[in-house]
Amino acid sequence: MRTTLDLPDDLVKEAMKASCIDTKTQVIIIALQDLIRKSKLSELKKLKGKIDLDIDLDAIRGRQCRY
């Protein structure tokens, strides 16, 4: 999708330098992917402790109790 954006030049250059990416397009793509990933992780973190899967991780991982 072709889009015209008015972005701060210094911000884009800093992002390109920090990420070692040569093109503005690729920097924006990576930034958007990272934003989406962080948002999804944040949503998953909100579920911590709210779902009881009733599974034995030791059995799944093949561990034996040493006690």
Protein backbone atom coordinates (compact mmCIF):
# COMPACT_ATOMS: atom_id res chain seq x y z
CA MET A 1 0.00 0.00 0.00
CA ARG A 2 1.45 3.32 -1.02
CA THR A 3 1.04 6.01 1.67
CA THR A 4 2.35 9.51 2.10
CA LEU A 5 3.56 10.26 5.61
CA ASP A 6 4.95 13.36 7.26
CA LEU A 7 7.53 11.93 9.65
CA PRO A 8 10.21 13.78 11.60
CA ASP A 9 13.39 13.28 9.57
CA ASP A 10 15.63 13.13 12.64
CA LEU A 11 13.44 10.42 14.18
CA VAL A 12 13.56 8.27 11.05
CA LYS A 13 17.33 8.72 10.71
CA GLU A 14 17.84 7.79 14.36
CA ALA A 15 15.70 4.68 13.93
CA MET A 16 17.65 3.71 10.80
CA LYS A 17 20.94 4.17 12.63
CA ALA A 18 19.78 2.30 15.76
CA SER A 19 18.45 -0.66 13.77
CA CYS A 20 21.17 -0.71 11.09
CA ILE A 21 18.44 -0.72 8.42
CA ASP A 22 19.16 1.12 5.19
CA THR A 23 15.68 2.05 3.96
CA LYS A 24 12.95 4.15 5.49
CA THR A 25 10.31 1.70 4.32
CA GLN A 26 11.96 -1.24 6.04
CA VAL A 27 12.42 0.77 9.26
CA ILE A 28 8.70 1.60 9.31
CA ILE A 29 7.74 -2.03 8.57
CA ILE A 30 9.95 -3.30 11.40
CA ALA A 31 8.59 -0.65 13.77
CA LEU A 32 4.99 -1.59 12.99
CA GLN A 33 5.70 -5.31 13.40
CA ASP A 34 7.39 -4.64 16.74
CA LEU A 35 4.45 -2.51 17.90
CA ILE A 36 2.00 -5.30 17.03
CA ARG A 37 4.18 -7.94 18.74
CA LYS A 38 4.44 -5.86 21.92
CA SER A 39 0.71 -5.28 21.95
CA LYS A 40 0.00 -9.01 21.63
CA LEU A 41 2.49 -9.82 24.40
CA SER A 42 0.85 -7.25 26.64
CA GLU A 43 -2.54 -8.88 26.08
CA LEU A 44 -1.10 -12.31 26.90
CA LYS A 45 0.50 -10.99 30.09
CA LYS A 46 -2.92 -9.83 31.27
CA LEU A 47 -4.07 -13.47 31.21
CA LYS A 48 -1.30 -14.65 33.54
CA GLY A 49 -2.81 -16.55 36.45
CA LYS A 50 -6.34 -16.42 35.04
CA ILE A 51 -6.32 -19.65 33.08
CA ASP A 52 -5.98 -23.00 34.85
CA LEU A 53 -4.74 -25.52 32.33
CA ASP A 54 -4.53 -28.35 34.87
CA ILE A 55 -1.40 -29.83 33.31
CA ASP A 56 1.67 -31.37 34.87
CA LEU A 57 4.65 -29.65 33.28
CA ASP A 58 7.09 -32.12 34.83
CA ALA A 59 5.29 -35.02 33.17
CA ILE A 60 5.13 -33.22 29.84
CA ARG A 61 8.81 -32.38 29.95
CA GLY A 62 9.73 -35.91 31.03
CA ARG A 63 11.11 -34.87 34.40
CA GLN A 64 11.10 -37.17 37.36
CA CYS A 65 10.54 -36.02 40.89
CA ARG A 66 13.74 -36.39 42.94
CA TYR A 67 11.97 -36.54 46.29
